[in-house]
Amino acid sequence: MSDKDLIDHLAGDTEAPLQPQDRAAVNELRALLADESVWIEPDPALEHRVITAVTDAAAAFTPDPAPARAPVSERTVARRPRRPSFGLRRLAAALAPVLAAAAVLVAVLSSGPAPLQFAVTLYGTARAPGAGGSATLTKTADGWRIALRAHGLPLRHNGLYYQAWLKNASGILVPVGTFNLANQVTLWAGVAPTTGFTTLTITQQQASHNTASTHQVVLEGIARRVH
């Protein structure tokens, strides 16, 4: 089977019959591609490690020397079924342990410890009694990513906007982002709920030289650690 035939069968672009030995190879590759763990987003450094391992395996691979050809008079003229390239099968066998190790590494990385995370239930204030929502604060290397979803807040534009803040027990406010509609918003914080900034508030703001909070709070909630 040529590489093109293999790709066509995997893509379902051909109905040509397969030899038994080719069918086994196609089914094995199809099962590998259907494994969800193959498509998990790995650690960025994994690509370099896998490429290095594959390169080393390919460099160490030495195909068997071609057998001496018999004189024409001694060659058989009977047609034999076409078989996959032996060299290709040998190379695939050599790379199989590398691919298996990569799959195991991806599974290990994806099953590592969960990041530190806090959850917030947001309640509407007297300024927005019908509003509500939730937020999830997740610790990352860049800061705390805040996934905010809220309802009951009208769109603000033309210089009017919402601003999110994290506040500690002393009343210190740290801005964590602005937006116009809170259906699904990603915010970022440079302060941590683990250091006392556990109150998340949403205020109504208007563009001006004064960037301080208006204290016109429409949503408010307390962050609580979930894991």
C-alpha atoms as a PDB file:
ATOM      1  CA  MET A   1       0.000   0.000   0.000  1.00  0.00           C
ATOM      2  CA  SER A   2       1.344   3.424  -0.959  1.00  0.00           C
ATOM      3  CA  ASP A   3       1.213   6.394   1.417  1.00  0.00           C
ATOM      4  CA  LYS A   4      -1.497   7.953  -0.767  1.00  0.00           C
ATOM      5  CA  ASP A   5      -3.601   4.771  -0.570  1.00  0.00           C
ATOM      6  CA  LEU A   6      -3.176   4.762   3.210  1.00  0.00           C
ATOM      7  CA  ILE A   7      -4.290   8.410   3.485  1.00  0.00           C
ATOM      8  CA  ASP A   8      -7.273   7.805   1.183  1.00  0.00           C
ATOM      9  CA  HIS A   9      -8.459   4.871   3.303  1.00  0.00           C
ATOM     10  CA  LEU A  10      -8.060   6.804   6.561  1.00  0.00           C
ATOM     11  CA  ALA A  11      -9.977   9.738   5.080  1.00  0.00           C
ATOM     12  CA  GLY A  12     -12.703   7.476   3.660  1.00  0.00           C
ATOM     13  CA  ASP A  13     -12.016   8.729   0.112  1.00  0.00           C
ATOM     14  CA  THR A  14     -11.771   5.276  -1.437  1.00  0.00           C
ATOM     15  CA  GLU A  15     -13.647   1.986  -1.271  1.00  0.00           C
ATOM     16  CA  ALA A  16     -10.903  -0.085  -2.897  1.00  0.00           C
ATOM     17  CA  PRO A  17     -10.505  -3.486  -1.191  1.00  0.00           C
ATOM     18  CA  LEU A  18      -7.583  -3.972   1.167  1.00  0.00           C
ATOM     19  CA  GLN A  19      -5.214  -6.876   1.488  1.00  0.00           C
ATOM     20  CA  PRO A  20      -5.533  -8.514   4.963  1.00  0.00           C
ATOM     21  CA  GLN A  21      -2.108  -7.260   6.064  1.00  0.00           C
ATOM     22  CA  ASP A  22      -2.932  -3.709   4.889  1.00  0.00           C
ATOM     23  CA  ARG A  23      -6.346  -3.753   6.587  1.00  0.00           C
ATOM     24  CA  ALA A  24      -4.704  -4.493   9.950  1.00  0.00           C
ATOM     25  CA  ALA A  25      -2.330  -1.536   9.542  1.00  0.00           C
ATOM     26  CA  VAL A  26      -5.165   0.829   8.557  1.00  0.00           C
ATOM     27  CA  ASN A  27      -7.344  -0.276  11.477  1.00  0.00           C
ATOM     28  CA  GLU A  28      -4.449   0.183  13.923  1.00  0.00           C
ATOM     29  CA  LEU A  29      -3.774   3.728  12.689  1.00  0.00           C
ATOM     30  CA  ARG A  30      -7.500   4.570  12.680  1.00  0.00           C
ATOM     31  CA  ALA A  31      -7.802   3.416  16.313  1.00  0.00           C
ATOM     32  CA  LEU A  32      -4.768   5.501  17.266  1.00  0.00           C
ATOM     33  CA  LEU A  33      -6.183   8.627  15.619  1.00  0.00           C
ATOM     34  CA  ALA A  34      -9.560   8.070  17.318  1.00  0.00           C
ATOM     35  CA  ASP A  35      -7.956   8.044  20.776  1.00  0.00           C
ATOM     36  CA  GLU A  36      -8.897  11.366  22.435  1.00  0.00           C
ATOM     37  CA  SER A  37      -5.654  11.421  24.413  1.00  0.00           C
ATOM     38  CA  VAL A  38      -3.733  11.914  21.153  1.00  0.00           C
ATOM     39  CA  TRP A  39      -5.366  15.308  20.677  1.00  0.00           C
ATOM     40  CA  ILE A  40      -4.904  16.659  24.223  1.00  0.00           C
ATOM     41  CA  GLU A  41      -3.043  19.979  24.203  1.00  0.00           C
ATOM     42  CA  PRO A  42       0.391  19.061  25.580  1.00  0.00           C
ATOM     43  CA  ASP A  43       2.991  21.036  27.466  1.00  0.00           C
ATOM     44  CA  PRO A  44       4.726  23.459  24.987  1.00  0.00           C
ATOM     45  CA  ALA A  45       8.087  21.788  25.663  1.00  0.00           C
ATOM     46  CA  LEU A  46       6.714  18.362  24.665  1.00  0.00           C
ATOM     47  CA  GLU A  47       7.031  19.094  20.940  1.00  0.00           C
ATOM     48  CA  HIS A  48      10.786  19.601  21.205  1.00  0.00           C
ATOM     49  CA  ARG A  49      11.238  16.429  23.254  1.00  0.00           C
ATOM     50  CA  VAL A  50       9.205  14.290  20.837  1.00  0.00           C
ATOM     51  CA  ILE A  51      10.993  15.692  17.761  1.00  0.00           C
ATOM     52  CA  THR A  52      14.362  14.961  19.380  1.00  0.00           C
ATOM     53  CA  ALA A  53      13.302  11.403  20.236  1.00  0.00           C
ATOM     54  CA  VAL A  54      11.965  10.757  16.709  1.00  0.00           C
ATOM     55  CA  THR A  55      15.130  12.200  15.154  1.00  0.00           C
ATOM     56  CA  ASP A  56      17.316   9.970  17.329  1.00  0.00           C
ATOM     57  CA  ALA A  57      15.215   6.909  16.469  1.00  0.00           C
ATOM     58  CA  ALA A  58      15.345   7.685  12.740  1.00  0.00           C
ATOM     59  CA  ALA A  59      19.126   8.228  12.914  1.00  0.00           C
ATOM     60  CA  ALA A  60      19.586   4.874  14.650  1.00  0.00           C
ATOM     61  CA  PHE A  61      17.396   3.057  12.112  1.00  0.00           C
ATOM     62  CA  THR A  62      19.426   0.985   9.650  1.00  0.00           C
ATOM     63  CA  PRO A  63      17.446  -0.740   6.905  1.00  0.00           C
ATOM     64  CA  ASP A  64      18.379  -4.305   6.029  1.00  0.00           C
ATOM     65  CA  PRO A  65      20.744  -4.497   3.054  1.00  0.00           C
ATOM     66  CA  ALA A  66      19.024  -5.298  -0.186  1.00  0.00           C
ATOM     67  CA  PRO A  67      19.298  -9.047  -0.958  1.00  0.00           C
ATOM     68  CA  ALA A  68      21.364 -10.067  -3.951  1.00  0.00           C
ATOM     69  CA  ARG A  69      19.216 -10.449  -7.020  1.00  0.00           C
ATOM     70  CA  ALA A  70      19.168 -13.793  -8.737  1.00  0.00           C
ATOM     71  CA  PRO A  71      19.939 -14.006 -12.433  1.00  0.00           C
ATOM     72  CA  VAL A  72      17.002 -13.337 -14.680  1.00  0.00           C
ATOM     73  CA  SER A  73      16.823 -16.958 -15.668  1.00  0.00           C
ATOM     74  CA  GLU A  74      16.313 -17.993 -12.037  1.00  0.00           C
ATOM     75  CA  ARG A  75      13.698 -15.363 -11.114  1.00  0.00           C
ATOM     76  CA  THR A  76      10.136 -16.466 -10.682  1.00  0.00           C
ATOM     77  CA  VAL A  77       7.672 -14.918 -13.121  1.00  0.00           C
ATOM     78  CA  ALA A  78       4.587 -15.676 -11.044  1.00  0.00           C
ATOM     79  CA  ARG A  79       2.736 -12.511  -9.953  1.00  0.00           C
ATOM     80  CA  ARG A  80       2.546 -12.070  -6.204  1.00  0.00           C
ATOM     81  CA  PRO A  81       0.189  -9.873  -4.192  1.00  0.00           C
ATOM     82  CA  ARG A  82       1.642  -6.445  -3.547  1.00  0.00           C
ATOM     83  CA  ARG A  83       2.795  -6.019   0.053  1.00  0.00           C
ATOM     84  CA  PRO A  84       3.619  -2.957   2.091  1.00  0.00           C
ATOM     85  CA  SER A  85       7.180  -1.684   1.882  1.00  0.00           C
ATOM     86  CA  PHE A  86       9.315  -3.676   4.332  1.00  0.00           C
ATOM     87  CA  GLY A  87      11.477  -0.636   5.051  1.00  0.00           C
ATOM     88  CA  LEU A  88       8.390   1.443   5.861  1.00  0.00           C
ATOM     89  CA  ARG A  89       7.091  -1.244   8.213  1.00  0.00           C
ATOM     90  CA  ARG A  90      10.498  -1.467   9.926  1.00  0.00           C
ATOM     91  CA  LEU A  91      10.630   2.314  10.399  1.00  0.00           C
ATOM     92  CA  ALA A  92       7.070   2.335  11.765  1.00  0.00           C
ATOM     93  CA  ALA A  93       8.038  -0.418  14.204  1.00  0.00           C
ATOM     94  CA  ALA A  94      11.090   1.577  15.290  1.00  0.00           C
ATOM     95  CA  LEU A  95       9.024   4.700  15.906  1.00  0.00           C
ATOM     96  CA  ALA A  96       6.157   2.897  17.668  1.00  0.00           C
ATOM     97  CA  PRO A  97       7.824   2.987  21.117  1.00  0.00           C
ATOM     98  CA  VAL A  98       8.535   6.713  20.675  1.00  0.00           C
ATOM     99  CA  LEU A  99       4.915   7.451  19.795  1.00  0.00           C
ATOM    100  CA  ALA A 100       3.703   5.310  22.686  1.00  0.00           C
ATOM    101  CA  ALA A 101       6.000   7.168  25.082  1.00  0.00           C
ATOM    102  CA  ALA A 102       4.701  10.496  23.761  1.00  0.00           C
ATOM    103  CA  ALA A 103       1.106   9.371  24.333  1.00  0.00           C
ATOM    104  CA  VAL A 104       1.946   8.325  27.886  1.00  0.00           C
ATOM    105  CA  LEU A 105       3.697  11.651  28.513  1.00  0.00           C
ATOM    106  CA  VAL A 106       0.671  13.572  27.227  1.00  0.00           C
ATOM    107  CA  ALA A 107      -1.613  11.545  29.508  1.00  0.00           C
ATOM    108  CA  VAL A 108       0.647  12.185  32.501  1.00  0.00           C
ATOM    109  CA  LEU A 109       0.829  15.910  31.805  1.00  0.00           C
ATOM    110  CA  SER A 110      -2.923  16.192  31.311  1.00  0.00           C
ATOM    111  CA  SER A 111      -3.623  14.330  34.535  1.00  0.00           C
ATOM    112  CA  GLY A 112      -1.303  16.492  36.628  1.00  0.00           C
ATOM    113  CA  PRO A 113      -2.434  18.466  39.670  1.00  0.00           C
ATOM    114  CA  ALA A 114      -5.309  20.887  39.035  1.00  0.00           C
ATOM    115  CA  PRO A 115      -4.418  24.591  39.191  1.00  0.00           C
ATOM    116  CA  LEU A 116      -5.377  26.654  42.215  1.00  0.00           C
ATOM    117  CA  GLN A 117      -8.909  27.920  41.619  1.00  0.00           C
ATOM    118  CA  PHE A 118     -11.546  30.064  43.316  1.00  0.00           C
ATOM    119  CA  ALA A 119     -15.249  30.422  42.477  1.00  0.00           C
ATOM    120  CA  VAL A 120     -17.529  33.435  42.959  1.00  0.00           C
ATOM    121  CA  THR A 121     -21.310  33.643  42.956  1.00  0.00           C
ATOM    122  CA  LEU A 122     -22.316  37.186  41.984  1.00  0.00           C
ATOM    123  CA  TYR A 123     -25.485  38.847  43.242  1.00  0.00           C
ATOM    124  CA  GLY A 124     -27.199  41.954  41.903  1.00  0.00           C
ATOM    125  CA  THR A 125     -27.324  45.067  44.080  1.00  0.00           C
ATOM    126  CA  ALA A 126     -30.115  47.632  44.399  1.00  0.00           C
ATOM    127  CA  ARG A 127     -28.834  49.171  41.140  1.00  0.00           C
ATOM    128  CA  ALA A 128     -29.399  45.872  39.301  1.00  0.00           C
ATOM    129  CA  PRO A 129     -31.754  43.694  41.364  1.00  0.00           C
ATOM    130  CA  GLY A 130     -32.435  41.296  38.499  1.00  0.00           C
ATOM    131  CA  ALA A 131     -28.775  40.699  37.688  1.00  0.00           C
ATOM    132  CA  GLY A 132     -26.608  37.768  38.733  1.00  0.00           C
ATOM    133  CA  GLY A 133     -23.735  35.655  37.576  1.00  0.00           C
ATOM    134  CA  SER A 134     -20.630  33.708  38.454  1.00  0.00           C
ATOM    135  CA  ALA A 135     -16.871  33.868  38.016  1.00  0.00           C
ATOM    136  CA  THR A 136     -13.968  31.466  38.225  1.00  0.00           C
ATOM    137  CA  LEU A 137     -10.495  32.650  39.206  1.00  0.00           C
ATOM    138  CA  THR A 138      -7.686  30.355  38.036  1.00  0.00           C
ATOM    139  CA  LYS A 139      -4.035  30.775  38.925  1.00  0.00           C
ATOM    140  CA  THR A 140      -1.654  30.832  35.923  1.00  0.00           C
ATOM    141  CA  ALA A 141       1.952  31.817  35.372  1.00  0.00           C
ATOM    142  CA  ASP A 142       0.761  35.164  33.957  1.00  0.00           C
ATOM    143  CA  GLY A 143      -1.588  36.021  36.817  1.00  0.00           C
ATOM    144  CA  TRP A 144      -5.133  35.101  37.779  1.00  0.00           C
ATOM    145  CA  ARG A 145      -7.450  34.432  34.832  1.00  0.00           C
ATOM    146  CA  ILE A 146     -11.050  35.385  35.650  1.00  0.00           C
ATOM    147  CA  ALA A 147     -13.828  33.814  33.573  1.00  0.00           C
ATOM    148  CA  LEU A 148     -16.945  35.941  34.158  1.00  0.00           C
ATOM    149  CA  ARG A 149     -20.509  35.161  33.085  1.00  0.00           C
ATOM    150  CA  ALA A 150     -23.395  37.395  34.118  1.00  0.00           C
ATOM    151  CA  HIS A 151     -26.980  38.142  33.130  1.00  0.00           C
ATOM    152  CA  GLY A 152     -29.372  41.003  33.671  1.00  0.00           C
ATOM    153  CA  LEU A 153     -26.879  43.764  32.857  1.00  0.00           C
ATOM    154  CA  PRO A 154     -27.722  45.918  29.829  1.00  0.00           C
ATOM    155  CA  LEU A 155     -25.158  46.778  27.181  1.00  0.00           C
ATOM    156  CA  ARG A 156     -23.120  49.881  27.961  1.00  0.00           C
ATOM    157  CA  HIS A 157     -21.385  51.785  25.137  1.00  0.00           C
ATOM    158  CA  ASN A 158     -20.624  55.300  23.869  1.00  0.00           C
ATOM    159  CA  GLY A 159     -18.231  55.966  26.728  1.00  0.00           C
ATOM    160  CA  LEU A 160     -20.185  53.946  29.283  1.00  0.00           C
ATOM    161  CA  TYR A 161     -18.768  50.615  30.434  1.00  0.00           C
ATOM    162  CA  TYR A 162     -18.485  48.140  33.276  1.00  0.00           C
ATOM    163  CA  GLN A 163     -15.352  47.610  35.324  1.00  0.00           C
ATOM    164  CA  ALA A 164     -14.414  44.662  37.524  1.00  0.00           C
ATOM    165  CA  TRP A 165     -12.445  45.021  40.738  1.00  0.00           C
ATOM    166  CA  LEU A 166     -10.912  42.810  43.393  1.00  0.00           C
ATOM    167  CA  LYS A 167     -11.125  44.206  46.916  1.00  0.00           C
ATOM    168  CA  ASN A 168      -9.543  43.185  50.218  1.00  0.00           C
ATOM    169  CA  ALA A 169     -10.786  43.611  53.776  1.00  0.00           C
ATOM    170  CA  SER A 170      -9.174  47.060  53.998  1.00  0.00           C
ATOM    171  CA  GLY A 171     -11.241  48.299  51.081  1.00  0.00           C
ATOM    172  CA  ILE A 172      -8.302  48.507  48.652  1.00  0.00           C
ATOM    173  CA  LEU A 173      -9.595  48.147  45.077  1.00  0.00           C
ATOM    174  CA  VAL A 174      -7.536  46.723  42.221  1.00  0.00           C
ATOM    175  CA  PRO A 175      -8.985  46.969  38.683  1.00  0.00           C
ATOM    176  CA  VAL A 176      -9.059  43.677  36.776  1.00  0.00           C
ATOM    177  CA  GLY A 177     -10.684  44.686  33.474  1.00  0.00           C
ATOM    178  CA  THR A 178     -13.413  46.569  31.633  1.00  0.00           C
ATOM    179  CA  PHE A 179     -16.153  45.379  29.287  1.00  0.00           C
ATOM    180  CA  ASN A 180     -19.467  46.376  27.718  1.00  0.00           C
ATOM    181  CA  LEU A 181     -21.500  43.192  28.142  1.00  0.00           C
ATOM    182  CA  ALA A 182     -20.912  40.390  30.630  1.00  0.00           C
ATOM    183  CA  ASN A 183     -22.292  37.367  28.771  1.00  0.00           C
ATOM    184  CA  GLN A 184     -18.834  35.767  28.643  1.00  0.00           C
ATOM    185  CA  VAL A 185     -15.792  37.816  29.619  1.00  0.00           C
ATOM    186  CA  THR A 186     -12.171  36.940  30.402  1.00  0.00           C
ATOM    187  CA  LEU A 187     -10.446  39.261  32.859  1.00  0.00           C
ATOM    188  CA  TRP A 188      -6.955  39.214  34.390  1.00  0.00           C
ATOM    189  CA  ALA A 189      -5.803  40.075  37.907  1.00  0.00           C
ATOM    190  CA  GLY A 190      -2.322  40.759  39.202  1.00  0.00           C
ATOM    191  CA  VAL A 191      -3.432  40.337  42.809  1.00  0.00           C
ATOM    192  CA  ALA A 192      -4.469  37.048  44.337  1.00  0.00           C
ATOM    193  CA  PRO A 193      -7.478  35.955  46.360  1.00  0.00           C
ATOM    194  CA  THR A 194      -4.971  34.019  48.456  1.00  0.00           C
ATOM    195  CA  THR A 195      -3.588  37.368  49.699  1.00  0.00           C
ATOM    196  CA  GLY A 196      -6.968  38.690  50.819  1.00  0.00           C
ATOM    197  CA  PHE A 197      -8.400  40.097  47.573  1.00  0.00           C
ATOM    198  CA  THR A 198     -11.504  37.921  47.695  1.00  0.00           C
ATOM    199  CA  THR A 199     -14.339  40.354  46.930  1.00  0.00           C
ATOM    200  CA  LEU A 200     -15.199  40.722  43.259  1.00  0.00           C
ATOM    201  CA  THR A 201     -17.320  43.747  42.321  1.00  0.00           C
ATOM    202  CA  ILE A 202     -18.642  45.111  39.045  1.00  0.00           C
ATOM    203  CA  THR A 203     -19.239  48.859  38.773  1.00  0.00           C
ATOM    204  CA  GLN A 204     -20.786  51.174  36.207  1.00  0.00           C
ATOM    205  CA  GLN A 205     -18.169  53.552  34.834  1.00  0.00           C
ATOM    206  CA  GLN A 206     -17.947  56.430  32.369  1.00  0.00           C
ATOM    207  CA  ALA A 207     -14.875  57.341  30.343  1.00  0.00           C
ATOM    208  CA  SER A 208     -13.219  60.427  31.857  1.00  0.00           C
ATOM    209  CA  HIS A 209      -9.933  61.661  33.268  1.00  0.00           C
ATOM    210  CA  ASN A 210     -10.924  60.168  36.613  1.00  0.00           C
ATOM    211  CA  THR A 211     -10.321  56.416  36.434  1.00  0.00           C
ATOM    212  CA  ALA A 212     -11.213  55.698  40.073  1.00  0.00           C
ATOM    213  CA  SER A 213     -14.196  53.558  40.963  1.00  0.00           C
ATOM    214  CA  THR A 214     -17.577  55.280  40.858  1.00  0.00           C
ATOM    215  CA  HIS A 215     -18.718  52.846  43.575  1.00  0.00           C
ATOM    216  CA  GLN A 216     -21.870  52.301  41.495  1.00  0.00           C
ATOM    217  CA  VAL A 217     -21.761  48.560  42.176  1.00  0.00           C
ATOM    218  CA  VAL A 218     -24.150  46.362  40.183  1.00  0.00           C
ATOM    219  CA  LEU A 219     -22.730  42.905  41.007  1.00  0.00           C
ATOM    220  CA  GLU A 220     -20.781  41.641  43.992  1.00  0.00           C
ATOM    221  CA  GLY A 221     -19.589  38.319  45.388  1.00  0.00           C
ATOM    222  CA  ILE A 222     -16.971  36.609  47.554  1.00  0.00           C
ATOM    223  CA  ALA A 223     -14.342  34.265  46.084  1.00  0.00           C
ATOM    224  CA  ARG A 224     -14.102  30.882  47.763  1.00  0.00           C
ATOM    225  CA  ARG A 225     -11.451  28.276  47.031  1.00  0.00           C
ATOM    226  CA  VAL A 226     -12.707  25.202  45.186  1.00  0.00           C
ATOM    227  CA  HIS A 227      -9.353  23.380  44.685  1.00  0.00           C
END
